[in-house]
Amino acid sequence: MSIVLTEFARPRLFPRVPRGNTIQDCTAEQFQAHLNAHAPFKVLDGYAPFCKLFVYENWTSTRCLTVPVTDANRHQLRSAYEARNRHELPVLVRWFEGVQSPRANYLVVILYSAEQLAKEGSPIEADWGIVGCIYTAEPEEVPMAPITMMRNALGVEEGGSGVPLDREAYQRAVAYWESHANWRP
């Protein structure tokens, strides 16, 4: 089985100007090589048959992706409309500024099958393509953000995957993201 980093994920996980809330201590090529050379700690099913989550013990200093919202840090939440790339419509996102999370214990790598990526217009020369990575304290998936679920339901032409909205999964995601937020340095 082979894994490659997609052009969609590369700027998010390994931006040109490094940021403290992305993968640390390795290049995109070293990250990809590590995934291909080491078996995952655990494999989870993703939100659709074409999606798998490979859980690796964190070998870097990468920090957790999310921080719990508390009365003490709520005033540091920010929001804005942003697009993940120039082809997508901006959506409302929120994050912490001035808050730093602890080192992640696990990197949960989000993989799409080659067939799905070809369907989305991003063919790869591998079995699986990395479309994202979640940095967590526990070897479990952090629920997909509700807005990402909605974008996926809109279809490939709007930057999604074409998977219909799962109401129960959406409600679980809302419960999680109501009390957590990403952080930015």
N, C-alpha and C. Protein backbone atom coordinates (compact mmCIF):
# COMPACT_ATOMS: atom_id res chain seq x y z
N MET A 1 0.84 -1.18 0.00
CA MET A 1 0.00 0.00 0.00
C MET A 1 0.89 1.24 0.00
N SER A 2 0.53 2.22 -0.80
CA SER A 2 1.32 3.45 -0.88
C SER A 2 0.45 4.66 -0.55
N ILE A 3 1.11 5.66 0.06
CA ILE A 3 0.45 6.88 0.51
C ILE A 3 1.22 8.08 -0.04
N VAL A 4 0.49 9.07 -0.57
CA VAL A 4 1.12 10.31 -1.02
C VAL A 4 0.37 11.51 -0.43
N LEU A 5 1.08 12.60 -0.31
CA LEU A 5 0.50 13.86 0.15
C LEU A 5 -0.15 14.55 -1.04
N THR A 6 -1.44 14.89 -0.93
CA THR A 6 -2.13 15.55 -2.04
C THR A 6 -1.78 17.04 -2.08
N GLU A 7 -1.97 17.61 -3.24
CA GLU A 7 -1.74 19.05 -3.39
C GLU A 7 -2.74 19.85 -2.56
N PHE A 8 -3.90 19.27 -2.27
CA PHE A 8 -4.89 19.93 -1.41
C PHE A 8 -4.35 20.05 0.02
N ALA A 9 -3.75 18.98 0.53
CA ALA A 9 -3.31 18.96 1.93
C ALA A 9 -1.96 19.64 2.14
N ARG A 10 -1.09 19.62 1.15
CA ARG A 10 0.28 20.13 1.32
C ARG A 10 0.34 21.54 1.92
N PRO A 11 -0.37 22.53 1.39
CA PRO A 11 -0.24 23.88 1.97
C PRO A 11 -0.86 24.02 3.37
N ARG A 12 -1.78 23.13 3.72
CA ARG A 12 -2.39 23.19 5.05
C ARG A 12 -1.48 22.56 6.11
N LEU A 13 -0.84 21.44 5.74
CA LEU A 13 0.01 20.74 6.69
C LEU A 13 1.45 21.25 6.69
N PHE A 14 1.91 21.73 5.54
CA PHE A 14 3.28 22.22 5.38
C PHE A 14 3.30 23.55 4.63
N PRO A 15 2.82 24.62 5.26
CA PRO A 15 2.78 25.92 4.57
C PRO A 15 4.18 26.43 4.25
N ARG A 16 4.27 27.27 3.23
CA ARG A 16 5.57 27.85 2.84
C ARG A 16 6.23 28.57 4.01
N VAL A 17 5.43 29.32 4.74
CA VAL A 17 5.93 29.97 5.95
C VAL A 17 5.45 29.13 7.12
N PRO A 18 6.36 28.40 7.78
CA PRO A 18 5.94 27.50 8.86
C PRO A 18 5.17 28.21 9.96
N ARG A 19 4.16 27.50 10.51
CA ARG A 19 3.34 28.04 11.60
C ARG A 19 3.36 27.03 12.75
N GLY A 20 3.14 27.51 13.95
CA GLY A 20 3.16 26.67 15.13
C GLY A 20 2.00 25.70 15.24
N ASN A 21 0.95 25.87 14.44
CA ASN A 21 -0.22 24.99 14.51
C ASN A 21 -0.29 24.02 13.33
N THR A 22 0.85 23.74 12.72
CA THR A 22 0.93 22.75 11.65
C THR A 22 1.94 21.68 12.05
N ILE A 23 2.22 20.73 11.18
CA ILE A 23 3.16 19.65 11.50
C ILE A 23 4.57 20.22 11.65
N GLN A 24 5.24 19.81 12.71
CA GLN A 24 6.55 20.34 13.07
C GLN A 24 7.65 19.29 12.85
N ASP A 25 8.87 19.74 12.75
CA ASP A 25 10.08 18.91 12.80
C ASP A 25 10.31 18.00 11.61
N CYS A 26 9.58 18.15 10.53
CA CYS A 26 9.85 17.34 9.34
C CYS A 26 9.30 18.06 8.11
N THR A 27 9.84 17.68 6.97
CA THR A 27 9.35 18.22 5.70
C THR A 27 8.17 17.37 5.22
N ALA A 28 7.50 17.85 4.20
CA ALA A 28 6.40 17.09 3.61
C ALA A 28 6.91 15.73 3.11
N GLU A 29 8.09 15.72 2.51
CA GLU A 29 8.66 14.49 1.98
C GLU A 29 9.01 13.52 3.12
N GLN A 30 9.55 14.03 4.21
CA GLN A 30 9.88 13.17 5.37
C GLN A 30 8.61 12.61 6.00
N PHE A 31 7.57 13.43 6.07
CA PHE A 31 6.29 12.99 6.63
C PHE A 31 5.72 11.84 5.80
N GLN A 32 5.67 12.04 4.50
CA GLN A 32 5.15 11.02 3.59
C GLN A 32 5.98 9.74 3.70
N ALA A 33 7.31 9.86 3.75
CA ALA A 33 8.19 8.70 3.86
C ALA A 33 7.94 7.95 5.17
N HIS A 34 7.74 8.68 6.27
CA HIS A 34 7.48 8.06 7.56
C HIS A 34 6.19 7.23 7.51
N LEU A 35 5.14 7.79 6.92
CA LEU A 35 3.87 7.08 6.83
C LEU A 35 3.99 5.80 6.01
N ASN A 36 4.78 5.86 4.96
CA ASN A 36 4.97 4.68 4.11
C ASN A 36 5.89 3.64 4.74
N ALA A 37 6.75 4.05 5.67
CA ALA A 37 7.72 3.14 6.29
C ALA A 37 7.24 2.54 7.60
N HIS A 38 6.20 3.13 8.22
CA HIS A 38 5.73 2.67 9.53
C HIS A 38 4.25 2.31 9.49
N ALA A 39 3.93 1.22 10.13
CA ALA A 39 2.52 0.83 10.25
C ALA A 39 1.82 1.76 11.23
N PRO A 40 0.57 2.08 10.99
CA PRO A 40 -0.15 2.93 11.94
C PRO A 40 -0.40 2.21 13.26
N PHE A 41 -0.52 2.98 14.31
CA PHE A 41 -0.86 2.49 15.64
C PHE A 41 -2.27 1.88 15.62
N LYS A 42 -3.13 2.50 14.80
CA LYS A 42 -4.53 2.12 14.76
C LYS A 42 -5.11 2.62 13.43
N VAL A 43 -6.11 1.91 12.89
CA VAL A 43 -6.81 2.35 11.68
C VAL A 43 -8.29 2.49 12.02
N LEU A 44 -8.86 3.64 11.67
CA LEU A 44 -10.27 3.92 11.92
C LEU A 44 -10.99 4.10 10.59
N ASP A 45 -12.26 3.75 10.55
CA ASP A 45 -13.07 4.04 9.37
C ASP A 45 -13.37 5.53 9.36
N GLY A 46 -13.37 6.11 8.17
CA GLY A 46 -13.71 7.52 8.02
C GLY A 46 -15.20 7.70 7.84
N TYR A 47 -15.60 8.86 7.38
CA TYR A 47 -17.01 9.21 7.26
C TYR A 47 -17.68 8.60 6.03
N ALA A 48 -16.88 8.00 5.16
CA ALA A 48 -17.40 7.36 3.94
C ALA A 48 -16.48 6.18 3.60
N PRO A 49 -16.94 5.25 2.77
CA PRO A 49 -16.11 4.07 2.46
C PRO A 49 -14.75 4.40 1.84
N PHE A 50 -14.63 5.52 1.17
CA PHE A 50 -13.37 5.89 0.52
C PHE A 50 -12.39 6.59 1.47
N CYS A 51 -12.78 6.77 2.73
CA CYS A 51 -11.97 7.52 3.70
C CYS A 51 -11.51 6.61 4.84
N LYS A 52 -10.22 6.63 5.13
CA LYS A 52 -9.65 5.91 6.27
C LYS A 52 -8.83 6.89 7.11
N LEU A 53 -8.74 6.61 8.40
CA LEU A 53 -7.95 7.42 9.32
C LEU A 53 -6.85 6.53 9.87
N PHE A 54 -5.61 6.87 9.56
CA PHE A 54 -4.46 6.13 10.08
C PHE A 54 -3.92 6.91 11.26
N VAL A 55 -3.92 6.28 12.42
CA VAL A 55 -3.48 6.92 13.66
C VAL A 55 -2.02 6.53 13.92
N TYR A 56 -1.15 7.52 14.04
CA TYR A 56 0.27 7.30 14.33
C TYR A 56 0.61 7.96 15.65
N GLU A 57 1.49 7.33 16.42
CA GLU A 57 2.01 8.01 17.60
C GLU A 57 2.83 9.18 17.08
N ASN A 58 2.68 10.33 17.72
CA ASN A 58 3.33 11.56 17.27
C ASN A 58 4.85 11.48 17.49
N TRP A 59 5.61 11.52 16.42
CA TRP A 59 7.07 11.49 16.49
C TRP A 59 7.66 12.90 16.37
N THR A 60 6.80 13.91 16.39
CA THR A 60 7.21 15.30 16.22
C THR A 60 6.82 16.11 17.46
N SER A 61 7.04 17.40 17.41
CA SER A 61 6.60 18.28 18.50
C SER A 61 5.27 18.97 18.17
N THR A 62 4.57 18.46 17.15
CA THR A 62 3.29 19.03 16.73
C THR A 62 2.31 19.08 17.90
N ARG A 63 1.59 20.20 18.00
CA ARG A 63 0.65 20.42 19.11
C ARG A 63 -0.77 20.02 18.72
N CYS A 64 -1.60 19.75 19.73
CA CYS A 64 -3.00 19.40 19.50
C CYS A 64 -3.68 20.47 18.64
N LEU A 65 -4.57 20.03 17.80
CA LEU A 65 -5.27 20.92 16.87
C LEU A 65 -6.31 21.79 17.56
N THR A 66 -6.95 21.25 18.60
CA THR A 66 -8.04 21.99 19.24
C THR A 66 -7.76 22.24 20.71
N VAL A 67 -8.48 23.23 21.23
CA VAL A 67 -8.39 23.65 22.63
C VAL A 67 -9.82 23.75 23.16
N PRO A 68 -10.08 23.25 24.37
CA PRO A 68 -11.42 23.42 24.94
C PRO A 68 -11.74 24.90 25.17
N VAL A 69 -12.98 25.27 24.92
CA VAL A 69 -13.44 26.63 25.19
C VAL A 69 -13.83 26.69 26.67
N THR A 70 -13.27 27.66 27.38
CA THR A 70 -13.58 27.85 28.80
C THR A 70 -13.95 29.31 29.04
N ASP A 71 -14.47 29.59 30.22
CA ASP A 71 -14.76 30.99 30.56
C ASP A 71 -13.48 31.82 30.57
N ALA A 72 -12.36 31.18 30.91
CA ALA A 72 -11.08 31.89 30.99
C ALA A 72 -10.51 32.26 29.63
N ASN A 73 -10.85 31.51 28.55
CA ASN A 73 -10.25 31.81 27.24
C ASN A 73 -11.27 32.23 26.18
N ARG A 74 -12.54 32.22 26.52
CA ARG A 74 -13.59 32.54 25.54
C ARG A 74 -13.34 33.90 24.86
N HIS A 75 -12.79 34.85 25.59
CA HIS A 75 -12.55 36.19 25.02
C HIS A 75 -11.46 36.17 23.95
N GLN A 76 -10.75 35.05 23.79
CA GLN A 76 -9.69 34.95 22.79
C GLN A 76 -10.16 34.27 21.50
N LEU A 77 -11.44 33.96 21.43
CA LEU A 77 -12.00 33.38 20.20
C LEU A 77 -12.16 34.46 19.13
N ARG A 78 -11.81 34.12 17.91
CA ARG A 78 -11.96 35.00 16.76
C ARG A 78 -12.74 34.26 15.69
N SER A 79 -13.31 34.99 14.73
CA SER A 79 -14.01 34.36 13.62
C SER A 79 -13.87 35.21 12.37
N ALA A 80 -14.03 34.55 11.22
CA ALA A 80 -13.96 35.24 9.93
C ALA A 80 -14.48 34.29 8.86
N TYR A 81 -14.80 34.84 7.71
CA TYR A 81 -15.14 34.03 6.56
C TYR A 81 -13.86 33.75 5.79
N GLU A 82 -13.58 32.46 5.55
CA GLU A 82 -12.35 32.07 4.87
C GLU A 82 -12.63 30.92 3.91
N ALA A 83 -11.85 30.87 2.84
CA ALA A 83 -11.88 29.75 1.90
C ALA A 83 -10.58 28.98 2.06
N ARG A 84 -10.64 27.66 1.87
CA ARG A 84 -9.44 26.83 1.99
C ARG A 84 -8.52 27.00 0.79
N ASN A 85 -9.09 27.40 -0.35
CA ASN A 85 -8.29 27.70 -1.54
C ASN A 85 -9.10 28.65 -2.41
N ARG A 86 -8.53 29.11 -3.49
CA ARG A 86 -9.17 30.14 -4.32
C ARG A 86 -10.38 29.64 -5.10
N HIS A 87 -10.59 28.33 -5.15
CA HIS A 87 -11.72 27.77 -5.88
C HIS A 87 -12.97 27.61 -5.03
N GLU A 88 -12.84 27.70 -3.71
CA GLU A 88 -13.96 27.45 -2.82
C GLU A 88 -14.57 28.75 -2.29
N LEU A 89 -15.84 28.66 -1.94
CA LEU A 89 -16.51 29.80 -1.32
C LEU A 89 -16.06 29.95 0.13
N PRO A 90 -15.91 31.16 0.62
CA PRO A 90 -15.56 31.35 2.03
C PRO A 90 -16.71 30.89 2.93
N VAL A 91 -16.34 30.31 4.06
CA VAL A 91 -17.30 29.88 5.08
C VAL A 91 -16.85 30.45 6.42
N LEU A 92 -17.77 30.51 7.36
CA LEU A 92 -17.47 31.04 8.68
C LEU A 92 -16.64 30.04 9.48
N VAL A 93 -15.51 30.48 10.00
CA VAL A 93 -14.63 29.66 10.84
C VAL A 93 -14.31 30.43 12.12
N ARG A 94 -13.91 29.68 13.16
CA ARG A 94 -13.49 30.35 14.39
C ARG A 94 -12.25 29.66 14.92
N TRP A 95 -11.47 30.44 15.69
CA TRP A 95 -10.21 29.94 16.22
C TRP A 95 -9.83 30.79 17.43
N PHE A 96 -8.87 30.26 18.18
CA PHE A 96 -8.29 31.01 19.28
C PHE A 96 -7.06 31.76 18.80
N GLU A 97 -6.85 32.94 19.33
CA GLU A 97 -5.58 33.66 19.19
C GLU A 97 -5.03 33.84 20.59
N GLY A 98 -3.69 33.69 20.72
CA GLY A 98 -3.06 33.87 22.02
C GLY A 98 -3.21 32.69 22.96
N VAL A 99 -3.61 31.54 22.42
CA VAL A 99 -3.75 30.31 23.21
C VAL A 99 -2.88 29.26 22.52
N GLN A 100 -2.15 28.48 23.31
CA GLN A 100 -1.33 27.42 22.73
C GLN A 100 -1.75 26.09 23.34
N SER A 101 -1.88 25.08 22.52
CA SER A 101 -2.30 23.77 23.01
C SER A 101 -1.09 22.93 23.39
N PRO A 102 -1.32 21.82 24.12
CA PRO A 102 -0.21 20.93 24.47
C PRO A 102 0.25 20.11 23.27
N ARG A 103 1.40 19.47 23.40
CA ARG A 103 1.91 18.59 22.35
C ARG A 103 0.91 17.45 22.14
N ALA A 104 0.66 17.14 20.88
CA ALA A 104 -0.25 16.04 20.53
C ALA A 104 0.43 14.70 20.80
N ASN A 105 -0.33 13.74 21.24
CA ASN A 105 0.19 12.38 21.42
C ASN A 105 0.05 11.56 20.14
N TYR A 106 -0.90 11.98 19.28
CA TYR A 106 -1.18 11.21 18.07
C TYR A 106 -1.39 12.13 16.88
N LEU A 107 -1.03 11.63 15.70
CA LEU A 107 -1.35 12.28 14.44
C LEU A 107 -2.33 11.36 13.72
N VAL A 108 -3.53 11.86 13.48
CA VAL A 108 -4.58 11.08 12.81
C VAL A 108 -4.61 11.55 11.35
N VAL A 109 -4.05 10.73 10.48
CA VAL A 109 -3.89 11.09 9.07
C VAL A 109 -5.16 10.69 8.32
N ILE A 110 -5.76 11.66 7.64
CA ILE A 110 -7.00 11.44 6.89
C ILE A 110 -6.64 11.09 5.46
N LEU A 111 -7.05 9.89 5.03
CA LEU A 111 -6.72 9.39 3.70
C LEU A 111 -7.97 9.19 2.86
N TYR A 112 -7.87 9.55 1.58
CA TYR A 112 -8.91 9.25 0.60
C TYR A 112 -8.32 8.25 -0.40
N SER A 113 -9.17 7.36 -0.89
CA SER A 113 -8.73 6.40 -1.90
C SER A 113 -8.37 7.11 -3.21
N ALA A 114 -7.53 6.44 -3.99
CA ALA A 114 -7.16 6.99 -5.30
C ALA A 114 -8.39 7.19 -6.17
N GLU A 115 -9.35 6.26 -6.08
CA GLU A 115 -10.58 6.36 -6.88
C GLU A 115 -11.37 7.62 -6.54
N GLN A 116 -11.50 7.92 -5.26
CA GLN A 116 -12.24 9.12 -4.85
C GLN A 116 -11.52 10.38 -5.29
N LEU A 117 -10.21 10.40 -5.14
CA LEU A 117 -9.46 11.59 -5.54
C LEU A 117 -9.56 11.81 -7.04
N ALA A 118 -9.57 10.75 -7.83
CA ALA A 118 -9.76 10.89 -9.28
C ALA A 118 -11.14 11.47 -9.58
N LYS A 119 -12.15 10.99 -8.84
CA LYS A 119 -13.52 11.50 -9.00
C LYS A 119 -13.59 12.99 -8.71
N GLU A 120 -12.78 13.44 -7.74
CA GLU A 120 -12.76 14.85 -7.36
C GLU A 120 -11.82 15.69 -8.23
N GLY A 121 -11.23 15.07 -9.25
CA GLY A 121 -10.35 15.79 -10.17
C GLY A 121 -8.93 15.95 -9.67
N SER A 122 -8.51 15.11 -8.73
CA SER A 122 -7.15 15.16 -8.17
C SER A 122 -6.51 13.78 -8.20
N PRO A 123 -6.25 13.24 -9.39
CA PRO A 123 -5.68 11.89 -9.47
C PRO A 123 -4.30 11.81 -8.81
N ILE A 124 -4.00 10.64 -8.25
CA ILE A 124 -2.70 10.41 -7.60
C ILE A 124 -2.08 9.13 -8.13
N GLU A 125 -0.77 8.99 -7.92
CA GLU A 125 -0.04 7.78 -8.30
C GLU A 125 0.26 6.98 -7.04
N ALA A 126 -0.79 6.60 -6.32
CA ALA A 126 -0.67 5.82 -5.08
C ALA A 126 -2.03 5.23 -4.76
N ASP A 127 -2.07 4.39 -3.74
CA ASP A 127 -3.33 3.79 -3.31
C ASP A 127 -4.18 4.78 -2.52
N TRP A 128 -3.50 5.58 -1.70
CA TRP A 128 -4.18 6.52 -0.80
C TRP A 128 -3.53 7.90 -0.88
N GLY A 129 -4.36 8.95 -0.73
CA GLY A 129 -3.85 10.31 -0.71
C GLY A 129 -4.19 10.98 0.61
N ILE A 130 -3.23 11.67 1.18
CA ILE A 130 -3.43 12.40 2.42
C ILE A 130 -4.21 13.67 2.10
N VAL A 131 -5.38 13.84 2.73
CA VAL A 131 -6.17 15.05 2.53
C VAL A 131 -6.19 15.93 3.77
N GLY A 132 -5.68 15.42 4.88
CA GLY A 132 -5.63 16.20 6.11
C GLY A 132 -4.98 15.41 7.22
N CYS A 133 -4.82 16.06 8.36
CA CYS A 133 -4.24 15.42 9.52
C CYS A 133 -4.78 16.13 10.76
N ILE A 134 -5.17 15.33 11.74
CA ILE A 134 -5.69 15.86 13.00
C ILE A 134 -4.66 15.55 14.07
N TYR A 135 -4.30 16.51 14.88
CA TYR A 135 -3.30 16.34 15.94
C TYR A 135 -4.06 16.26 17.26
N THR A 136 -3.98 15.10 17.95
CA THR A 136 -4.84 14.86 19.10
C THR A 136 -4.10 14.32 20.32
N ALA A 137 -4.76 14.42 21.46
CA ALA A 137 -4.24 13.83 22.70
C ALA A 137 -4.58 12.35 22.77
N GLU A 138 -5.71 11.96 22.21
CA GLU A 138 -6.18 10.57 22.24
C GLU A 138 -6.12 9.99 20.84
N PRO A 139 -6.00 8.65 20.71
CA PRO A 139 -5.90 8.03 19.39
C PRO A 139 -7.27 7.88 18.71
N GLU A 140 -8.02 8.95 18.70
CA GLU A 140 -9.37 8.95 18.14
C GLU A 140 -9.56 10.15 17.22
N GLU A 141 -10.56 10.05 16.41
CA GLU A 141 -10.89 11.13 15.49
C GLU A 141 -11.56 12.27 16.24
N VAL A 142 -11.18 13.49 15.92
CA VAL A 142 -11.92 14.68 16.34
C VAL A 142 -13.03 14.82 15.30
N PRO A 143 -14.28 15.03 15.71
CA PRO A 143 -15.35 15.14 14.71
C PRO A 143 -15.06 16.20 13.65
N MET A 144 -15.41 15.88 12.44
CA MET A 144 -15.29 16.82 11.33
C MET A 144 -16.11 18.07 11.67
N ALA A 145 -15.59 19.22 11.33
CA ALA A 145 -16.32 20.46 11.59
C ALA A 145 -17.65 20.44 10.85
N PRO A 146 -18.72 20.92 11.47
CA PRO A 146 -20.03 20.93 10.80
C PRO A 146 -20.00 21.60 9.43
N ILE A 147 -19.25 22.67 9.28
CA ILE A 147 -19.21 23.35 7.99
C ILE A 147 -18.55 22.48 6.93
N THR A 148 -17.59 21.64 7.33
CA THR A 148 -16.96 20.72 6.38
C THR A 148 -17.96 19.66 5.94
N MET A 149 -18.78 19.18 6.88
CA MET A 149 -19.83 18.22 6.52
C MET A 149 -20.79 18.84 5.50
N MET A 150 -21.15 20.08 5.73
CA MET A 150 -22.06 20.76 4.79
C MET A 150 -21.41 20.92 3.42
N ARG A 151 -20.13 21.33 3.42
CA ARG A 151 -19.43 21.49 2.14
C ARG A 151 -19.37 20.16 1.41
N ASN A 152 -19.07 19.07 2.12
CA ASN A 152 -19.03 17.76 1.48
C ASN A 152 -20.37 17.42 0.85
N ALA A 153 -21.47 17.74 1.55
CA ALA A 153 -22.80 17.45 1.04
C ALA A 153 -23.14 18.28 -0.21
N LEU A 154 -22.51 19.43 -0.36
CA LEU A 154 -22.77 20.27 -1.53
C LEU A 154 -22.24 19.64 -2.81
N GLY A 155 -21.20 18.81 -2.69
CA GLY A 155 -20.69 18.12 -3.87
C GLY A 155 -19.30 18.56 -4.27
N VAL A 156 -18.75 17.81 -5.20
CA VAL A 156 -17.39 18.01 -5.67
C VAL A 156 -17.19 19.41 -6.26
N GLU A 157 -18.20 19.91 -6.97
CA GLU A 157 -18.05 21.22 -7.62
C GLU A 157 -17.89 22.37 -6.62
N GLU A 158 -18.26 22.15 -5.37
CA GLU A 158 -18.11 23.18 -4.33
C GLU A 158 -16.99 22.85 -3.34
N GLY A 159 -16.11 21.89 -3.73
CA GLY A 159 -14.98 21.55 -2.87
C GLY A 159 -15.25 20.43 -1.91
N GLY A 160 -16.41 19.79 -2.02
CA GLY A 160 -16.77 18.69 -1.14
C GLY A 160 -16.53 17.34 -1.79
N SER A 161 -17.05 16.30 -1.15
CA SER A 161 -16.85 14.95 -1.65
C SER A 161 -18.12 14.35 -2.23
N GLY A 162 -19.26 15.00 -2.03
CA GLY A 162 -20.51 14.48 -2.53
C GLY A 162 -21.21 13.52 -1.58
N VAL A 163 -20.70 13.41 -0.35
CA VAL A 163 -21.32 12.52 0.65
C VAL A 163 -22.47 13.27 1.32
N PRO A 164 -23.68 12.70 1.31
CA PRO A 164 -24.82 13.38 1.94
C PRO A 164 -24.59 13.61 3.43
N LEU A 165 -25.25 14.61 3.95
CA LEU A 165 -25.15 14.96 5.36
C LEU A 165 -25.76 13.86 6.22
N ASP A 166 -25.04 13.42 7.23
CA ASP A 166 -25.51 12.45 8.21
C ASP A 166 -25.93 13.25 9.44
N ARG A 167 -27.23 13.33 9.68
CA ARG A 167 -27.76 14.19 10.75
C ARG A 167 -27.18 13.86 12.12
N GLU A 168 -27.07 12.57 12.46
CA GLU A 168 -26.52 12.19 13.77
C GLU A 168 -25.06 12.61 13.90
N ALA A 169 -24.26 12.34 12.86
CA ALA A 169 -22.85 12.73 12.88
C ALA A 169 -22.73 14.25 12.98
N TYR A 170 -23.60 14.96 12.29
CA TYR A 170 -23.60 16.42 12.34
C TYR A 170 -23.88 16.90 13.76
N GLN A 171 -24.86 16.31 14.44
CA GLN A 171 -25.19 16.72 15.82
C GLN A 171 -24.03 16.43 16.77
N ARG A 172 -23.33 15.29 16.58
CA ARG A 172 -22.16 14.98 17.41
C ARG A 172 -21.06 16.01 17.16
N ALA A 173 -20.89 16.40 15.91
CA ALA A 173 -19.87 17.39 15.58
C ALA A 173 -20.19 18.74 16.21
N VAL A 174 -21.44 19.14 16.15
CA VAL A 174 -21.86 20.41 16.76
C VAL A 174 -21.57 20.37 18.26
N ALA A 175 -21.89 19.26 18.92
CA ALA A 175 -21.64 19.15 20.36
C ALA A 175 -20.16 19.31 20.68
N TYR A 176 -19.29 18.71 19.86
CA TYR A 176 -17.85 18.83 20.09
C TYR A 176 -17.37 20.26 19.82
N TRP A 177 -17.70 20.79 18.63
CA TRP A 177 -17.16 22.08 18.22
C TRP A 177 -17.79 23.25 18.97
N GLU A 178 -18.92 23.03 19.63
CA GLU A 178 -19.50 24.06 20.48
C GLU A 178 -18.59 24.34 21.69
N SER A 179 -17.84 23.32 22.10
CA SER A 179 -16.99 23.45 23.28
C SER A 179 -15.49 23.38 22.98
N HIS A 180 -15.11 23.39 21.69
CA HIS A 180 -13.71 23.37 21.29
C HIS A 180 -13.50 24.31 20.10
N ALA A 181 -12.27 24.73 19.92
CA ALA A 181 -11.92 25.53 18.75
C ALA A 181 -10.47 25.28 18.39
N ASN A 182 -10.15 25.49 17.12
CA ASN A 182 -8.76 25.44 16.68
C ASN A 182 -8.02 26.64 17.27
N TRP A 183 -6.71 26.64 17.15
CA TRP A 183 -5.92 27.78 17.62
C TRP A 183 -4.93 28.17 16.52
N ARG A 184 -4.56 29.42 16.55
CA ARG A 184 -3.57 29.94 15.61
C ARG A 184 -2.52 30.71 16.40
N PRO A 185 -1.27 30.57 15.99
CA PRO A 185 -0.20 31.29 16.71
C PRO A 185 -0.31 32.80 16.54
